[in-house]
Amino acid sequence: MTLLQPATPRVTKADLVFEELRRQLLAGERKAGEVLSTYALAEEFGVSRRPVMDAVARLQGAGFLEIVSQVGCRVIVPSVRDMHHHIEVTTALNSFAAKVAAERSTPAALDRIQAACDELDRHVADGDVEAFDRANVTFHRAIVAAAENPRLEALTEQAWDLARFFRYPRPPEMLPQLQQEHRDILAAIRAGDGESAHGLAELHQSHAKEWAGEPEPDTR
């Protein structure tokens, strides 16, 4: 394959390689532990190795790949401890976003959060787990957007990408409880109660550690 669009002064070849590899990783097209040759990737995308190396370095920094000397790179195989570390970060970001959203939300922002919550209600009633997962992201994005902090939005998007890549095994029977927690978070945001919104969001995010399982013993 070749890159889907030409590079421009604002969108470099490295950007295009990064976005395509990121898409493949999130879609599960590149498997955990898979070794990727930078030479093969350059040929696949129809570019030189330099844009590939730049894209790989960015994906390493984002937590998707690890550099393998004289080979190229490898898709990471996340340990349970890796997952727990990531969950701690996403919990901090999302609970902070809920607190700030309670302090800054406009009526329009609250309407967007409510619309996402209503959609989640429909998917719980239908038992549609995949649709619930998509709407869940929309709900939490609406909360982050309500905080009106572009840097927070960027950091949270990065964290959500890695969460999608890790694919935490959420039990379907948890959907009604998770949705009640969504309603509680929204109620606290509507009430302007930042501390309650923070605590409820923190509790909501903490379930992921249970789904990931117990971390491996630390042998250090």
Protein backbone atom coordinates (compact mmCIF):
# COMPACT_ATOMS: atom_id res chain seq x y z
CA MET A 1 0.00 0.00 0.00
CA THR A 2 0.99 3.65 -0.24
CA LEU A 3 0.00 6.61 1.91
CA LEU A 4 -3.62 7.60 1.47
CA GLN A 5 -2.90 11.26 0.76
CA PRO A 6 0.13 13.33 -0.22
CA ALA A 7 2.15 15.17 2.37
CA THR A 8 1.71 18.94 2.65
CA PRO A 9 3.69 21.67 4.42
CA ARG A 10 1.43 21.12 7.44
CA VAL A 11 1.05 17.33 7.17
CA THR A 12 4.36 15.54 6.72
CA LYS A 13 5.01 12.01 5.51
CA ALA A 14 5.92 11.12 9.09
CA ASP A 15 2.49 12.38 10.21
CA LEU A 16 0.77 10.22 7.60
CA VAL A 17 2.77 7.11 8.54
CA PHE A 18 2.07 7.76 12.23
CA GLU A 19 -1.69 8.08 11.67
CA GLU A 20 -1.90 4.95 9.52
CA LEU A 21 0.14 2.82 11.93
CA ARG A 22 -1.90 4.20 14.84
CA ARG A 23 -5.11 3.25 13.00
CA GLN A 24 -3.78 -0.27 12.37
CA LEU A 25 -2.80 -0.70 16.02
CA LEU A 26 -6.17 0.48 17.34
CA ALA A 27 -8.01 -1.73 14.84
CA GLY A 28 -6.02 -4.78 15.95
CA GLU A 29 -4.40 -5.18 12.53
CA ARG A 30 -0.97 -5.18 14.18
CA LYS A 31 -0.83 -7.82 16.90
CA ALA A 32 0.83 -7.59 20.31
CA GLY A 33 4.41 -8.85 20.03
CA GLU A 34 4.53 -8.45 16.24
CA VAL A 35 7.94 -7.35 14.98
CA LEU A 36 7.87 -4.54 12.42
CA SER A 37 10.77 -3.85 10.08
CA THR A 38 11.28 -0.18 9.32
CA TYR A 39 12.54 -1.20 5.87
CA ALA A 40 9.36 -3.19 5.19
CA LEU A 41 7.19 -0.35 6.50
CA ALA A 42 8.98 2.15 4.28
CA GLU A 43 8.32 -0.07 1.27
CA GLU A 44 4.71 -0.64 2.31
CA PHE A 45 3.99 3.08 2.61
CA GLY A 46 6.09 4.14 -0.36
CA VAL A 47 8.34 6.46 1.65
CA SER A 48 11.96 6.56 2.81
CA ARG A 49 12.96 5.17 6.21
CA ARG A 50 13.22 8.63 7.82
CA PRO A 51 9.44 9.28 8.05
CA VAL A 52 8.96 5.72 9.29
CA MET A 53 11.61 6.15 12.00
CA ASP A 54 10.02 9.43 13.10
CA ALA A 55 6.57 7.83 13.25
CA VAL A 56 7.89 4.82 15.17
CA ALA A 57 9.57 7.11 17.71
CA ARG A 58 6.26 8.90 18.29
CA LEU A 59 4.40 5.61 18.69
CA GLN A 60 7.05 4.43 21.13
CA GLY A 61 6.52 7.58 23.16
CA ALA A 62 2.76 6.99 23.07
CA GLY A 63 3.23 3.50 24.51
CA PHE A 64 2.37 1.35 21.47
CA LEU A 65 5.79 0.20 20.26
CA GLU A 66 9.23 -0.61 21.60
CA ILE A 67 12.43 -0.17 19.61
CA VAL A 68 14.34 -3.38 18.86
CA SER A 69 17.99 -2.86 17.96
CA GLN A 70 18.96 -3.92 14.42
CA VAL A 71 15.41 -5.12 13.76
CA GLY A 72 13.08 -2.13 13.89
CA CYS A 73 10.35 -2.20 16.46
CA ARG A 74 7.88 -4.49 18.18
CA VAL A 75 4.25 -3.96 19.15
CA ILE A 76 4.23 -3.99 22.92
CA VAL A 77 2.71 -6.84 24.90
CA PRO A 78 1.21 -4.97 27.85
CA SER A 79 1.54 -6.58 31.25
CA VAL A 80 -1.17 -6.25 33.87
CA ARG A 81 1.14 -3.85 35.71
CA ASP A 82 1.39 -1.73 32.54
CA MET A 83 -2.40 -1.65 32.41
CA HIS A 84 -2.67 -0.62 36.06
CA HIS A 85 -0.20 2.22 35.52
CA HIS A 86 -2.21 3.40 32.53
CA ILE A 87 -5.50 3.18 34.44
CA GLU A 88 -4.04 5.37 37.19
CA VAL A 89 -3.25 8.04 34.59
CA THR A 90 -6.66 7.87 32.89
CA THR A 91 -8.37 7.98 36.29
CA ALA A 92 -6.49 11.15 37.23
CA LEU A 93 -7.29 12.82 33.90
CA ASN A 94 -10.97 11.91 33.77
CA SER A 95 -11.72 12.69 37.40
CA PHE A 96 -10.00 16.07 37.08
CA ALA A 97 -11.99 16.74 33.90
CA ALA A 98 -15.25 15.99 35.74
CA LYS A 99 -14.30 18.38 38.56
CA VAL A 100 -13.45 21.22 36.18
CA ALA A 101 -16.52 20.53 34.03
CA ALA A 102 -18.68 21.02 37.13
CA GLU A 103 -17.11 24.43 37.60
CA ARG A 104 -17.12 25.59 33.95
CA SER A 105 -19.91 23.82 32.06
CA THR A 106 -22.16 25.97 29.91
CA PRO A 107 -25.81 25.01 29.25
CA ALA A 108 -24.80 23.86 25.76
CA ALA A 109 -22.02 21.66 27.16
CA LEU A 110 -24.43 20.12 29.68
CA ASP A 111 -26.87 19.38 26.87
CA ARG A 112 -24.14 17.51 24.98
CA ILE A 113 -23.27 15.43 28.04
CA GLN A 114 -26.97 14.71 28.61
CA ALA A 115 -27.45 13.64 24.98
CA ALA A 116 -24.54 11.20 25.29
CA CYS A 117 -25.97 9.87 28.55
CA ASP A 118 -29.38 9.36 26.93
CA GLU A 119 -27.75 7.41 24.11
CA LEU A 120 -26.02 5.18 26.66
CA ASP A 121 -29.40 4.47 28.27
CA ARG A 122 -30.70 3.18 24.94
CA HIS A 123 -27.71 0.87 24.44
CA VAL A 124 -28.03 -0.55 27.96
CA ALA A 125 -31.69 -1.31 27.24
CA ASP A 126 -30.71 -2.99 23.95
CA GLY A 127 -27.77 -4.85 25.48
CA ASP A 128 -25.55 -3.58 22.65
CA VAL A 129 -22.06 -3.66 24.19
CA GLU A 130 -20.18 -2.34 21.14
CA ALA A 131 -22.56 0.60 20.73
CA PHE A 132 -22.32 1.26 24.48
CA ASP A 133 -18.52 1.38 24.22
CA ARG A 134 -18.68 3.93 21.40
CA ALA A 135 -21.23 6.07 23.24
CA ASN A 136 -19.16 5.78 26.41
CA VAL A 137 -16.27 7.52 24.67
CA THR A 138 -18.66 10.23 23.43
CA PHE A 139 -19.95 10.77 26.98
CA HIS A 140 -16.49 11.15 28.50
CA ARG A 141 -15.30 13.32 25.60
CA ALA A 142 -18.25 15.63 26.23
CA ILE A 143 -17.19 15.98 29.87
CA VAL A 144 -13.60 16.73 28.92
CA ALA A 145 -14.77 19.27 26.33
CA ALA A 146 -16.92 20.94 28.99
CA ALA A 147 -13.77 21.55 31.04
CA GLU A 148 -12.63 23.93 28.27
CA ASN A 149 -8.96 22.97 28.52
CA PRO A 150 -7.38 22.05 25.15
CA ARG A 151 -4.28 20.56 26.77
CA LEU A 152 -6.43 18.32 28.95
CA GLU A 153 -8.34 17.23 25.83
CA ALA A 154 -5.10 16.30 24.04
CA LEU A 155 -3.73 14.31 26.99
CA THR A 156 -7.03 12.52 27.50
CA GLU A 157 -7.26 11.55 23.83
CA GLN A 158 -3.79 9.99 24.06
CA ALA A 159 -4.81 8.05 27.16
CA TRP A 160 -8.02 6.81 25.51
CA ASP A 161 -6.06 5.61 22.48
CA LEU A 162 -3.92 3.40 24.69
CA ALA A 163 -7.00 2.17 26.56
CA ARG A 164 -8.52 1.08 23.23
CA PHE A 165 -5.26 -0.68 22.37
CA PHE A 166 -5.13 -2.49 25.73
CA ARG A 167 -8.76 -3.66 25.29
CA TYR A 168 -9.72 -4.09 28.93
CA PRO A 169 -12.15 -7.04 29.24
CA ARG A 170 -15.29 -5.27 30.52
CA PRO A 171 -18.02 -7.72 31.68
CA PRO A 172 -21.31 -7.04 29.80
CA GLU A 173 -23.30 -7.47 33.01
CA MET A 174 -21.59 -4.33 34.35
CA LEU A 175 -23.34 -2.02 31.87
CA PRO A 176 -26.32 -1.06 34.10
CA GLN A 177 -24.02 -0.21 37.01
CA LEU A 178 -21.66 1.77 34.80
CA GLN A 179 -24.57 3.70 33.35
CA GLN A 180 -25.89 4.57 36.80
CA GLU A 181 -22.43 5.91 37.60
CA HIS A 182 -22.60 8.02 34.42
CA ARG A 183 -25.90 9.49 35.60
CA ASP A 184 -24.44 10.24 39.03
CA ILE A 185 -21.41 11.99 37.50
CA LEU A 186 -23.67 14.06 35.26
CA ALA A 187 -25.90 15.02 38.20
CA ALA A 188 -22.87 16.24 40.16
CA ILE A 189 -21.64 18.26 37.18
CA ARG A 190 -25.10 19.80 36.72
CA ALA A 191 -25.15 20.72 40.41
CA GLY A 192 -21.76 22.42 40.09
CA ASP A 193 -20.36 20.07 42.74
CA GLY A 194 -16.78 19.61 41.58
CA GLU A 195 -15.63 17.52 44.53
CA SER A 196 -18.47 15.03 44.16
CA ALA A 197 -17.97 14.86 40.39
CA HIS A 198 -14.26 14.15 40.95
CA GLY A 199 -14.93 11.39 43.48
CA LEU A 200 -17.65 9.74 41.40
CA ALA A 201 -15.50 9.79 38.26
CA GLU A 202 -12.57 8.35 40.21
CA LEU A 203 -14.73 5.48 41.45
CA HIS A 204 -16.11 4.94 37.95
CA GLN A 205 -12.65 4.66 36.41
CA SER A 206 -11.36 2.34 39.15
CA HIS A 207 -13.33 -0.65 37.83
CA ALA A 208 -10.80 -1.07 35.02
CA LYS A 209 -8.18 -2.34 37.49
CA GLU A 210 -10.52 -5.15 38.51
CA TRP A 211 -11.08 -6.09 34.85
CA ALA A 212 -7.34 -6.06 34.12
CA GLY A 213 -6.64 -8.48 36.99
CA GLU A 214 -3.93 -8.63 39.62
CA PRO A 215 -0.51 -7.35 38.54
CA GLU A 216 2.46 -9.66 38.38
CA PRO A 217 4.71 -9.76 41.49
CA ASP A 218 7.36 -7.05 41.46
CA THR A 219 10.68 -8.91 41.33
CA ARG A 220 12.90 -5.86 41.77
